[in-house]
Amino acid sequence: PAVAVGFQPYRAVHARGGAVRETLFFVAPSSSARVAGYQLKDKAALLRSLCAEVQRLKAGRGMDTAGMQVVPLPAVVPGV
């Protein structure tokens, strides 16, 4: 099935108190020259939009992720 490029409506929430609060998912077309469905300029524009949104998120002005579906993370036990 085809997947829309860009941010997906999913997020993985990390343990409280860590440096990372959540992980967002972003789909981009392959960077391979064999992928003819997207021209280089289109791929570049998509990655520029990703970069801009990451900068907004880091500055605390990014998208509202509260409505995104939470993807559970497996429990990680240190040293195992």
N, C-alpha and C. Protein backbone atom coordinates (compact mmCIF):
# COMPACT_ATOMS: atom_id res chain seq x y z
N PRO A 1 0.82 -1.21 0.00
CA PRO A 1 0.00 0.00 0.00
C PRO A 1 0.85 1.26 0.00
N ALA A 2 0.38 2.27 -0.68
CA ALA A 2 1.11 3.53 -0.74
C ALA A 2 1.01 4.25 0.60
N VAL A 3 2.08 4.89 0.97
CA VAL A 3 2.12 5.65 2.22
C VAL A 3 2.37 7.10 1.86
N ALA A 4 1.66 7.99 2.48
CA ALA A 4 1.86 9.42 2.23
C ALA A 4 3.22 9.84 2.78
N VAL A 5 3.91 10.68 2.04
CA VAL A 5 5.19 11.20 2.53
C VAL A 5 4.92 12.27 3.57
N GLY A 6 5.89 12.51 4.41
CA GLY A 6 5.77 13.52 5.46
C GLY A 6 5.59 12.87 6.82
N PHE A 7 5.21 13.69 7.79
CA PHE A 7 5.00 13.17 9.14
C PHE A 7 3.80 12.25 9.16
N GLN A 8 3.92 11.18 9.91
CA GLN A 8 2.85 10.21 10.06
C GLN A 8 2.12 10.48 11.38
N PRO A 9 0.87 10.04 11.50
CA PRO A 9 0.10 10.35 12.71
C PRO A 9 0.40 9.42 13.88
N TYR A 10 1.67 9.10 14.07
CA TYR A 10 2.10 8.19 15.13
C TYR A 10 3.24 8.82 15.92
N ARG A 11 3.36 8.42 17.17
CA ARG A 11 4.49 8.85 17.99
C ARG A 11 4.80 7.76 19.00
N ALA A 12 6.06 7.65 19.35
CA ALA A 12 6.50 6.74 20.41
C ALA A 12 6.86 7.62 21.60
N VAL A 13 6.28 7.33 22.75
CA VAL A 13 6.51 8.13 23.95
C VAL A 13 7.57 7.44 24.80
N HIS A 14 8.57 8.21 25.23
CA HIS A 14 9.67 7.68 26.03
C HIS A 14 9.43 7.91 27.52
N ALA A 15 10.21 7.24 28.34
CA ALA A 15 10.09 7.36 29.80
C ALA A 15 10.31 8.81 30.23
N ARG A 16 9.60 9.21 31.25
CA ARG A 16 9.73 10.57 31.79
C ARG A 16 11.12 10.77 32.36
N GLY A 17 11.58 12.00 32.26
CA GLY A 17 12.86 12.36 32.84
C GLY A 17 14.04 12.17 31.91
N GLY A 18 13.81 11.56 30.76
CA GLY A 18 14.90 11.36 29.80
C GLY A 18 15.08 12.57 28.91
N ALA A 19 16.16 12.56 28.16
CA ALA A 19 16.45 13.66 27.25
C ALA A 19 15.47 13.69 26.08
N VAL A 20 14.94 12.53 25.70
CA VAL A 20 14.01 12.43 24.57
C VAL A 20 12.62 12.14 25.12
N ARG A 21 11.65 12.96 24.77
CA ARG A 21 10.27 12.77 25.25
C ARG A 21 9.46 11.87 24.32
N GLU A 22 9.63 12.08 23.01
CA GLU A 22 8.87 11.28 22.06
C GLU A 22 9.62 11.20 20.74
N THR A 23 9.28 10.18 19.96
CA THR A 23 9.85 10.00 18.63
C THR A 23 8.71 10.11 17.63
N LEU A 24 8.91 10.96 16.62
CA LEU A 24 7.92 11.11 15.56
C LEU A 24 8.40 10.34 14.33
N PHE A 25 7.47 10.01 13.46
CA PHE A 25 7.78 9.22 12.27
C PHE A 25 7.57 10.08 11.03
N PHE A 26 8.57 10.07 10.14
CA PHE A 26 8.54 10.86 8.91
C PHE A 26 8.89 9.94 7.76
N VAL A 27 8.07 9.93 6.73
CA VAL A 27 8.30 9.08 5.56
C VAL A 27 8.80 9.95 4.41
N ALA A 28 9.90 9.52 3.81
CA ALA A 28 10.46 10.22 2.65
C ALA A 28 10.72 9.20 1.56
N PRO A 29 10.64 9.63 0.31
CA PRO A 29 10.96 8.70 -0.78
C PRO A 29 12.45 8.35 -0.73
N SER A 30 12.78 7.25 -1.32
CA SER A 30 14.17 6.81 -1.37
C SER A 30 15.03 7.88 -2.03
N SER A 31 16.25 8.00 -1.56
CA SER A 31 17.18 8.96 -2.16
C SER A 31 17.87 8.37 -3.40
N SER A 32 17.56 7.13 -3.71
CA SER A 32 18.15 6.49 -4.88
C SER A 32 17.71 7.19 -6.16
N ALA A 33 18.63 7.32 -7.09
CA ALA A 33 18.30 7.91 -8.39
C ALA A 33 17.34 7.03 -9.18
N ARG A 34 17.22 5.78 -8.80
CA ARG A 34 16.31 4.87 -9.50
C ARG A 34 14.84 5.14 -9.19
N VAL A 35 14.58 5.87 -8.14
CA VAL A 35 13.20 6.19 -7.79
C VAL A 35 12.75 7.35 -8.68
N ALA A 36 11.97 7.02 -9.69
CA ALA A 36 11.58 8.01 -10.70
C ALA A 36 10.32 8.78 -10.31
N GLY A 37 9.60 8.31 -9.31
CA GLY A 37 8.35 8.96 -8.94
C GLY A 37 8.53 10.32 -8.29
N TYR A 38 9.72 10.60 -7.79
CA TYR A 38 10.01 11.87 -7.15
C TYR A 38 11.28 12.44 -7.76
N GLN A 39 11.20 13.65 -8.22
CA GLN A 39 12.37 14.31 -8.78
C GLN A 39 13.24 14.85 -7.63
N LEU A 40 14.51 15.07 -7.92
CA LEU A 40 15.45 15.55 -6.91
C LEU A 40 14.95 16.81 -6.23
N LYS A 41 14.42 17.76 -7.00
CA LYS A 41 13.94 19.01 -6.40
C LYS A 41 12.78 18.76 -5.43
N ASP A 42 11.93 17.77 -5.74
CA ASP A 42 10.82 17.44 -4.84
C ASP A 42 11.33 16.80 -3.56
N LYS A 43 12.32 15.91 -3.69
CA LYS A 43 12.92 15.28 -2.50
C LYS A 43 13.60 16.33 -1.63
N ALA A 44 14.31 17.25 -2.27
CA ALA A 44 15.01 18.30 -1.52
C ALA A 44 14.02 19.19 -0.77
N ALA A 45 12.91 19.54 -1.41
CA ALA A 45 11.90 20.38 -0.77
C ALA A 45 11.29 19.65 0.43
N LEU A 46 11.05 18.36 0.29
CA LEU A 46 10.49 17.58 1.38
C LEU A 46 11.45 17.54 2.57
N LEU A 47 12.72 17.33 2.30
CA LEU A 47 13.71 17.29 3.39
C LEU A 47 13.92 18.66 4.02
N ARG A 48 13.79 19.72 3.22
CA ARG A 48 13.86 21.08 3.80
C ARG A 48 12.69 21.31 4.75
N SER A 49 11.50 20.82 4.36
CA SER A 49 10.34 20.99 5.25
C SER A 49 10.54 20.19 6.54
N LEU A 50 11.15 19.01 6.45
CA LEU A 50 11.46 18.23 7.64
C LEU A 50 12.42 19.00 8.55
N CYS A 51 13.46 19.54 7.96
CA CYS A 51 14.45 20.30 8.74
C CYS A 51 13.80 21.49 9.44
N ALA A 52 12.94 22.20 8.73
CA ALA A 52 12.27 23.36 9.31
C ALA A 52 11.37 22.95 10.48
N GLU A 53 10.64 21.85 10.32
CA GLU A 53 9.76 21.40 11.40
C GLU A 53 10.56 20.92 12.60
N VAL A 54 11.68 20.25 12.38
CA VAL A 54 12.54 19.81 13.49
C VAL A 54 13.03 21.04 14.26
N GLN A 55 13.42 22.08 13.55
CA GLN A 55 13.87 23.30 14.22
C GLN A 55 12.75 23.93 15.04
N ARG A 56 11.52 23.94 14.50
CA ARG A 56 10.38 24.47 15.26
C ARG A 56 10.11 23.61 16.50
N LEU A 57 10.19 22.28 16.35
CA LEU A 57 9.97 21.39 17.49
C LEU A 57 11.01 21.63 18.58
N LYS A 58 12.26 21.76 18.17
CA LYS A 58 13.34 22.00 19.14
C LYS A 58 13.16 23.33 19.87
N ALA A 59 12.55 24.29 19.19
CA ALA A 59 12.32 25.61 19.79
C ALA A 59 11.02 25.65 20.58
N GLY A 60 10.30 24.53 20.63
CA GLY A 60 9.05 24.48 21.38
C GLY A 60 7.86 25.05 20.64
N ARG A 61 7.98 25.24 19.32
CA ARG A 61 6.90 25.82 18.53
C ARG A 61 6.39 24.86 17.46
N GLY A 62 6.66 23.59 17.61
CA GLY A 62 6.30 22.62 16.58
C GLY A 62 4.86 22.18 16.64
N MET A 63 4.56 21.17 15.89
CA MET A 63 3.20 20.65 15.78
C MET A 63 2.70 20.07 17.09
N ASP A 64 1.39 20.05 17.23
CA ASP A 64 0.76 19.45 18.40
C ASP A 64 0.68 17.94 18.15
N THR A 65 1.32 17.16 18.98
CA THR A 65 1.36 15.70 18.79
C THR A 65 0.37 14.96 19.68
N ALA A 66 -0.42 15.70 20.46
CA ALA A 66 -1.32 15.06 21.42
C ALA A 66 -2.33 14.12 20.76
N GLY A 67 -2.76 14.43 19.55
CA GLY A 67 -3.76 13.61 18.88
C GLY A 67 -3.19 12.45 18.09
N MET A 68 -1.88 12.30 18.08
CA MET A 68 -1.25 11.20 17.34
C MET A 68 -1.41 9.88 18.10
N GLN A 69 -1.52 8.81 17.34
CA GLN A 69 -1.61 7.48 17.95
C GLN A 69 -0.26 7.11 18.55
N VAL A 70 -0.27 6.59 19.77
CA VAL A 70 0.97 6.21 20.46
C VAL A 70 1.35 4.80 20.06
N VAL A 71 2.59 4.64 19.61
CA VAL A 71 3.15 3.34 19.27
C VAL A 71 3.93 2.87 20.49
N PRO A 72 3.57 1.72 21.07
CA PRO A 72 4.28 1.26 22.27
C PRO A 72 5.72 0.86 21.97
N LEU A 73 6.59 1.22 22.89
CA LEU A 73 7.99 0.82 22.79
C LEU A 73 8.21 -0.42 23.64
N PRO A 74 9.06 -1.33 23.19
CA PRO A 74 9.36 -2.49 24.04
C PRO A 74 10.14 -2.04 25.27
N ALA A 75 9.93 -2.72 26.37
CA ALA A 75 10.67 -2.40 27.59
C ALA A 75 12.14 -2.75 27.39
N VAL A 76 12.99 -1.85 27.80
CA VAL A 76 14.43 -2.08 27.67
C VAL A 76 15.00 -2.20 29.08
N VAL A 77 15.66 -3.30 29.34
CA VAL A 77 16.28 -3.53 30.64
C VAL A 77 17.78 -3.34 30.47
N PRO A 78 18.36 -2.34 31.15
CA PRO A 78 19.80 -2.10 31.03
C PRO A 78 20.61 -3.34 31.41
N GLY A 79 21.64 -3.61 30.63
CA GLY A 79 22.54 -4.71 30.92
C GLY A 79 22.06 -6.07 30.45
N VAL A 80 20.92 -6.12 29.80
CA VAL A 80 20.41 -7.42 29.33
C VAL A 80 20.62 -7.54 27.85
